């Protein structure tokens, strides 16, 4: 069993009160939770990585619970996303370990979430930042929720670490006006529309 020793967890939250044009009726909240863990595969090649995803599931659930708390509860959360960042002694494929533990934890805790959880992966050194893509929780075609939240940690990831991130949003982009499927038109059957 790989040892993903947890070094730290950080929480970021922002309330967007204005973005040009008229002020919105209510601010838009975005939040992210980021964890730095030891990369047990750093500095060596491992042929079979998939079983290690199981070891990360408790971290995915912990981070999801922290994120929902930062959002002020699950009600009204309309978008989500995840990202992974690997230090220089690892390989990009190590960030893919986060696909199941991060995505499924959010879908489980949010209940009826149908859409795939958008994801980004990147390699970088200490202080590198990563964009966490955001999309609607029930329909990938809802353009008003296409967004990203940039996160990073000043002292990570170290060469032998992984940075895992989860993010959520409540509400569409302020003044969204690019058409397409509207959130109130989602039928939520296939994760697309």
C-alpha atoms as a PDB file:
ATOM      1  CA  UNK A   1       0.000   0.000   0.000  1.00  0.00           C
ATOM      2  CA  UNK A   2       1.562   3.335  -1.082  1.00  0.00           C
ATOM      3  CA  UNK A   3       2.069   5.978   1.573  1.00  0.00           C
ATOM      4  CA  UNK A   4       0.613   9.342   0.528  1.00  0.00           C
ATOM      5  CA  UNK A   5       1.688  11.103   3.728  1.00  0.00           C
ATOM      6  CA  UNK A   6      -0.274  14.333   4.045  1.00  0.00           C
ATOM      7  CA  UNK A   7       1.868  17.433   4.653  1.00  0.00           C
ATOM      8  CA  UNK A   8      -0.819  20.121   4.588  1.00  0.00           C
ATOM      9  CA  UNK A   9      -4.271  21.133   3.423  1.00  0.00           C
ATOM     10  CA  UNK A  10      -5.192  24.677   2.412  1.00  0.00           C
ATOM     11  CA  UNK A  11      -8.620  26.177   1.777  1.00  0.00           C
ATOM     12  CA  UNK A  12      -9.303  29.113  -0.547  1.00  0.00           C
ATOM     13  CA  UNK A  13     -12.633  30.914  -0.880  1.00  0.00           C
ATOM     14  CA  UNK A  14     -13.695  33.993  -2.771  1.00  0.00           C
ATOM     15  CA  UNK A  15     -16.926  35.915  -3.060  1.00  0.00           C
ATOM     16  CA  UNK A  16     -17.131  37.853  -6.310  1.00  0.00           C
ATOM     17  CA  UNK A  17     -19.182  41.006  -5.743  1.00  0.00           C
ATOM     18  CA  UNK A  18     -18.544  42.707  -9.065  1.00  0.00           C
ATOM     19  CA  UNK A  19     -17.082  41.960 -12.483  1.00  0.00           C
ATOM     20  CA  UNK A  20     -17.838  45.014 -14.584  1.00  0.00           C
ATOM     21  CA  UNK A  21     -21.306  46.070 -15.663  1.00  0.00           C
ATOM     22  CA  UNK A  22     -24.103  46.234 -13.123  1.00  0.00           C
ATOM     23  CA  UNK A  23     -23.593  44.640  -9.715  1.00  0.00           C
ATOM     24  CA  UNK A  24     -25.130  41.155  -9.430  1.00  0.00           C
ATOM     25  CA  UNK A  25     -28.058  40.489  -7.114  1.00  0.00           C
ATOM     26  CA  UNK A  26     -25.864  38.224  -4.965  1.00  0.00           C
ATOM     27  CA  UNK A  27     -22.134  37.539  -4.928  1.00  0.00           C
ATOM     28  CA  UNK A  28     -20.789  34.423  -6.610  1.00  0.00           C
ATOM     29  CA  UNK A  29     -18.758  32.056  -4.431  1.00  0.00           C
ATOM     30  CA  UNK A  30     -15.879  29.886  -5.590  1.00  0.00           C
ATOM     31  CA  UNK A  31     -13.763  27.797  -3.249  1.00  0.00           C
ATOM     32  CA  UNK A  32     -10.970  25.261  -3.489  1.00  0.00           C
ATOM     33  CA  UNK A  33      -9.230  22.847  -1.165  1.00  0.00           C
ATOM     34  CA  UNK A  34      -5.630  21.857  -1.916  1.00  0.00           C
ATOM     35  CA  UNK A  35      -3.585  19.057  -0.343  1.00  0.00           C
ATOM     36  CA  UNK A  36       0.142  18.378  -0.534  1.00  0.00           C
ATOM     37  CA  UNK A  37       1.025  14.711  -0.159  1.00  0.00           C
ATOM     38  CA  UNK A  38       4.193  12.647  -0.500  1.00  0.00           C
ATOM     39  CA  UNK A  39       4.452  11.015  -3.915  1.00  0.00           C
ATOM     40  CA  UNK A  40       5.362   7.363  -3.217  1.00  0.00           C
ATOM     41  CA  UNK A  41       6.245   6.904  -6.897  1.00  0.00           C
ATOM     42  CA  UNK A  42       8.669   9.842  -7.139  1.00  0.00           C
ATOM     43  CA  UNK A  43      12.067   8.986  -8.574  1.00  0.00           C
ATOM     44  CA  UNK A  44      11.067   5.575  -9.907  1.00  0.00           C
ATOM     45  CA  UNK A  45       8.888   3.988 -12.544  1.00  0.00           C
ATOM     46  CA  UNK A  46       5.938   1.903 -11.377  1.00  0.00           C
ATOM     47  CA  UNK A  47       4.091  -0.152 -13.970  1.00  0.00           C
ATOM     48  CA  UNK A  48       0.795  -0.462 -12.084  1.00  0.00           C
ATOM     49  CA  UNK A  49      -0.533   2.755 -10.542  1.00  0.00           C
ATOM     50  CA  UNK A  50      -4.295   2.121 -10.535  1.00  0.00           C
ATOM     51  CA  UNK A  51      -4.546   0.309  -7.164  1.00  0.00           C
ATOM     52  CA  UNK A  52      -3.106   3.408  -5.449  1.00  0.00           C
ATOM     53  CA  UNK A  53      -6.268   5.345  -6.304  1.00  0.00           C
ATOM     54  CA  UNK A  54      -8.030   3.370  -3.583  1.00  0.00           C
ATOM     55  CA  UNK A  55      -5.578   4.710  -0.992  1.00  0.00           C
ATOM     56  CA  UNK A  56      -6.494   8.288  -1.936  1.00  0.00           C
ATOM     57  CA  UNK A  57     -10.272   7.890  -1.535  1.00  0.00           C
ATOM     58  CA  UNK A  58     -10.316   8.962   2.156  1.00  0.00           C
ATOM     59  CA  UNK A  59      -8.394  12.124   1.204  1.00  0.00           C
ATOM     60  CA  UNK A  60     -10.926  12.854  -1.556  1.00  0.00           C
ATOM     61  CA  UNK A  61     -13.803  12.566   0.903  1.00  0.00           C
ATOM     62  CA  UNK A  62     -12.039  14.676   3.545  1.00  0.00           C
ATOM     63  CA  UNK A  63     -11.245  17.426   1.046  1.00  0.00           C
ATOM     64  CA  UNK A  64     -14.787  17.337  -0.356  1.00  0.00           C
ATOM     65  CA  UNK A  65     -16.272  17.730   3.113  1.00  0.00           C
ATOM     66  CA  UNK A  66     -13.930  20.651   3.811  1.00  0.00           C
ATOM     67  CA  UNK A  67     -14.842  22.223   0.471  1.00  0.00           C
ATOM     68  CA  UNK A  68     -18.586  21.916   1.045  1.00  0.00           C
ATOM     69  CA  UNK A  69     -18.074  23.572   4.445  1.00  0.00           C
ATOM     70  CA  UNK A  70     -16.106  26.397   2.774  1.00  0.00           C
ATOM     71  CA  UNK A  71     -18.990  26.811   0.353  1.00  0.00           C
ATOM     72  CA  UNK A  72     -21.410  27.209   3.263  1.00  0.00           C
ATOM     73  CA  UNK A  73     -23.160  23.907   2.552  1.00  0.00           C
ATOM     74  CA  UNK A  74     -24.028  21.816  -0.469  1.00  0.00           C
ATOM     75  CA  UNK A  75     -27.234  23.625  -1.395  1.00  0.00           C
ATOM     76  CA  UNK A  76     -26.883  25.645  -4.582  1.00  0.00           C
ATOM     77  CA  UNK A  77     -23.469  24.323  -5.607  1.00  0.00           C
ATOM     78  CA  UNK A  78     -23.654  24.326  -9.390  1.00  0.00           C
ATOM     79  CA  UNK A  79     -20.124  23.630 -10.584  1.00  0.00           C
ATOM     80  CA  UNK A  80     -17.055  21.611  -9.728  1.00  0.00           C
ATOM     81  CA  UNK A  81     -13.607  20.582 -10.921  1.00  0.00           C
ATOM     82  CA  UNK A  82     -10.335  18.957  -9.906  1.00  0.00           C
ATOM     83  CA  UNK A  83      -6.632  19.238 -10.669  1.00  0.00           C
ATOM     84  CA  UNK A  84      -3.339  17.543  -9.956  1.00  0.00           C
ATOM     85  CA  UNK A  85       0.192  18.913  -9.936  1.00  0.00           C
ATOM     86  CA  UNK A  86       3.275  16.719  -9.633  1.00  0.00           C
ATOM     87  CA  UNK A  87       6.750  17.756  -8.485  1.00  0.00           C
ATOM     88  CA  UNK A  88       9.799  17.239 -10.711  1.00  0.00           C
ATOM     89  CA  UNK A  89      10.737  13.787  -9.378  1.00  0.00           C
ATOM     90  CA  UNK A  90       7.376  12.407 -10.458  1.00  0.00           C
ATOM     91  CA  UNK A  91       5.649  11.996 -13.784  1.00  0.00           C
ATOM     92  CA  UNK A  92       2.474  13.504 -15.177  1.00  0.00           C
ATOM     93  CA  UNK A  93       0.687  10.146 -14.939  1.00  0.00           C
ATOM     94  CA  UNK A  94       0.927  10.361 -11.137  1.00  0.00           C
ATOM     95  CA  UNK A  95      -1.546  13.250 -11.203  1.00  0.00           C
ATOM     96  CA  UNK A  96      -4.080  10.915 -12.839  1.00  0.00           C
ATOM     97  CA  UNK A  97      -4.248   9.080  -9.513  1.00  0.00           C
ATOM     98  CA  UNK A  98      -6.652  11.873  -8.495  1.00  0.00           C
ATOM     99  CA  UNK A  99      -9.235  11.137 -11.213  1.00  0.00           C
ATOM    100  CA  UNK A 100     -11.353   8.678  -9.227  1.00  0.00           C
ATOM    101  CA  UNK A 101     -10.729   9.744  -5.589  1.00  0.00           C
ATOM    102  CA  UNK A 102     -11.287  13.445  -6.267  1.00  0.00           C
ATOM    103  CA  UNK A 103     -14.103  13.259  -8.782  1.00  0.00           C
ATOM    104  CA  UNK A 104     -16.156  10.504  -7.237  1.00  0.00           C
ATOM    105  CA  UNK A 105     -15.919  12.037  -3.752  1.00  0.00           C
ATOM    106  CA  UNK A 106     -17.509  15.263  -4.975  1.00  0.00           C
ATOM    107  CA  UNK A 107     -20.184  13.444  -6.952  1.00  0.00           C
ATOM    108  CA  UNK A 108     -20.980  11.252  -3.948  1.00  0.00           C
ATOM    109  CA  UNK A 109     -21.291  14.144  -1.509  1.00  0.00           C
ATOM    110  CA  UNK A 110     -23.311  16.331  -3.899  1.00  0.00           C
ATOM    111  CA  UNK A 111     -25.805  13.543  -4.508  1.00  0.00           C
ATOM    112  CA  UNK A 112     -27.409  13.976  -7.890  1.00  0.00           C
ATOM    113  CA  UNK A 113     -24.331  15.284  -9.762  1.00  0.00           C
ATOM    114  CA  UNK A 114     -24.358  13.737 -13.248  1.00  0.00           C
ATOM    115  CA  UNK A 115     -21.668  15.503 -15.271  1.00  0.00           C
ATOM    116  CA  UNK A 116     -18.067  14.415 -15.526  1.00  0.00           C
ATOM    117  CA  UNK A 117     -15.784  16.402 -13.226  1.00  0.00           C
ATOM    118  CA  UNK A 118     -13.494  18.601 -15.369  1.00  0.00           C
ATOM    119  CA  UNK A 119      -9.815  18.032 -14.680  1.00  0.00           C
ATOM    120  CA  UNK A 120      -6.373  19.437 -15.374  1.00  0.00           C
ATOM    121  CA  UNK A 121      -2.934  17.968 -14.757  1.00  0.00           C
ATOM    122  CA  UNK A 122       0.473  19.586 -14.722  1.00  0.00           C
ATOM    123  CA  UNK A 123       4.103  19.158 -13.639  1.00  0.00           C
ATOM    124  CA  UNK A 124       5.940  21.932 -11.812  1.00  0.00           C
ATOM    125  CA  UNK A 125       8.158  22.933  -8.959  1.00  0.00           C
ATOM    126  CA  UNK A 126       7.652  24.744  -5.697  1.00  0.00           C
ATOM    127  CA  UNK A 127       5.239  27.646  -6.089  1.00  0.00           C
ATOM    128  CA  UNK A 128       3.763  26.449  -9.385  1.00  0.00           C
ATOM    129  CA  UNK A 129       0.102  27.296  -9.735  1.00  0.00           C
ATOM    130  CA  UNK A 130      -2.545  25.240 -11.501  1.00  0.00           C
ATOM    131  CA  UNK A 131      -5.926  26.124 -12.972  1.00  0.00           C
ATOM    132  CA  UNK A 132      -8.777  23.971 -11.696  1.00  0.00           C
ATOM    133  CA  UNK A 133     -11.361  23.861 -14.511  1.00  0.00           C
ATOM    134  CA  UNK A 134     -14.977  24.271 -13.461  1.00  0.00           C
ATOM    135  CA  UNK A 135     -18.096  22.972 -15.147  1.00  0.00           C
ATOM    136  CA  UNK A 136     -21.757  22.478 -14.270  1.00  0.00           C
ATOM    137  CA  UNK A 137     -22.424  19.508 -11.963  1.00  0.00           C
ATOM    138  CA  UNK A 138     -25.249  18.041 -14.057  1.00  0.00           C
ATOM    139  CA  UNK A 139     -24.691  19.077 -17.663  1.00  0.00           C
ATOM    140  CA  UNK A 140     -21.396  19.609 -19.453  1.00  0.00           C
ATOM    141  CA  UNK A 141     -23.035  21.887 -22.052  1.00  0.00           C
ATOM    142  CA  UNK A 142     -23.994  24.655 -19.615  1.00  0.00           C
ATOM    143  CA  UNK A 143     -21.646  27.408 -20.862  1.00  0.00           C
ATOM    144  CA  UNK A 144     -22.435  29.823 -18.026  1.00  0.00           C
ATOM    145  CA  UNK A 145     -20.470  27.616 -15.596  1.00  0.00           C
ATOM    146  CA  UNK A 146     -17.306  27.213 -17.724  1.00  0.00           C
ATOM    147  CA  UNK A 147     -14.597  28.742 -15.566  1.00  0.00           C
ATOM    148  CA  UNK A 148     -11.358  27.999 -13.743  1.00  0.00           C
ATOM    149  CA  UNK A 149      -9.936  28.791 -10.334  1.00  0.00           C
ATOM    150  CA  UNK A 150      -6.174  29.215 -10.026  1.00  0.00           C
ATOM    151  CA  UNK A 151      -4.598  27.721  -6.904  1.00  0.00           C
ATOM    152  CA  UNK A 152      -1.119  27.108  -5.609  1.00  0.00           C
ATOM    153  CA  UNK A 153       1.013  26.723  -2.523  1.00  0.00           C
ATOM    154  CA  UNK A 154       4.156  28.818  -1.908  1.00  0.00           C
ATOM    155  CA  UNK A 155       6.151  25.846  -0.561  1.00  0.00           C
ATOM    156  CA  UNK A 156       4.918  23.052  -2.780  1.00  0.00           C
ATOM    157  CA  UNK A 157       4.878  20.777  -4.495  1.00  0.00           C
ATOM    158  CA  UNK A 158       8.352  19.671  -3.534  1.00  0.00           C
ATOM    159  CA  UNK A 159      10.083  17.347  -5.997  1.00  0.00           C
ATOM    160  CA  UNK A 160       8.707  14.269  -4.223  1.00  0.00           C
ATOM    161  CA  UNK A 161       5.179  15.584  -3.695  1.00  0.00           C
ATOM    162  CA  UNK A 162       1.797  15.724  -5.365  1.00  0.00           C
ATOM    163  CA  UNK A 163      -0.631  18.614  -5.081  1.00  0.00           C
ATOM    164  CA  UNK A 164      -4.277  17.602  -5.374  1.00  0.00           C
ATOM    165  CA  UNK A 165      -7.036  20.213  -5.715  1.00  0.00           C
ATOM    166  CA  UNK A 166     -10.832  20.251  -5.686  1.00  0.00           C
ATOM    167  CA  UNK A 167     -12.967  23.304  -6.450  1.00  0.00           C
ATOM    168  CA  UNK A 168     -16.650  24.225  -6.482  1.00  0.00           C
ATOM    169  CA  UNK A 169     -18.746  27.221  -7.468  1.00  0.00           C
ATOM    170  CA  UNK A 170     -22.143  28.533  -6.561  1.00  0.00           C
ATOM    171  CA  UNK A 171     -23.725  30.340  -9.464  1.00  0.00           C
ATOM    172  CA  UNK A 172     -22.696  31.063 -13.040  1.00  0.00           C
ATOM    173  CA  UNK A 173     -20.104  33.593 -14.159  1.00  0.00           C
ATOM    174  CA  UNK A 174     -21.323  37.091 -13.362  1.00  0.00           C
ATOM    175  CA  UNK A 175     -22.994  38.565 -16.466  1.00  0.00           C
ATOM    176  CA  UNK A 176     -22.733  35.318 -18.447  1.00  0.00           C
ATOM    177  CA  UNK A 177     -24.204  35.924 -21.862  1.00  0.00           C
ATOM    178  CA  UNK A 178     -22.743  33.375 -24.275  1.00  0.00           C
ATOM    179  CA  UNK A 179     -25.999  31.516 -24.838  1.00  0.00           C
ATOM    180  CA  UNK A 180     -26.271  27.759 -25.028  1.00  0.00           C
ATOM    181  CA  UNK A 181     -27.998  25.494 -22.551  1.00  0.00           C
ATOM    182  CA  UNK A 182     -29.151  27.376 -19.455  1.00  0.00           C
ATOM    183  CA  UNK A 183     -28.844  25.875 -15.969  1.00  0.00           C
ATOM    184  CA  UNK A 184     -32.625  25.925 -15.500  1.00  0.00           C
ATOM    185  CA  UNK A 185     -33.034  23.931 -18.750  1.00  0.00           C
ATOM    186  CA  UNK A 186     -30.884  20.961 -17.645  1.00  0.00           C
ATOM    187  CA  UNK A 187     -32.673  17.609 -17.688  1.00  0.00           C
ATOM    188  CA  UNK A 188     -29.766  15.941 -15.855  1.00  0.00           C
ATOM    189  CA  UNK A 189     -30.117  12.541 -17.461  1.00  0.00           C
ATOM    190  CA  UNK A 190     -26.849  11.975 -19.302  1.00  0.00           C
ATOM    191  CA  UNK A 191     -24.408  14.468 -17.795  1.00  0.00           C
ATOM    192  CA  UNK A 192     -24.355  16.420 -21.041  1.00  0.00           C
ATOM    193  CA  UNK A 193     -27.697  18.220 -21.275  1.00  0.00           C
END
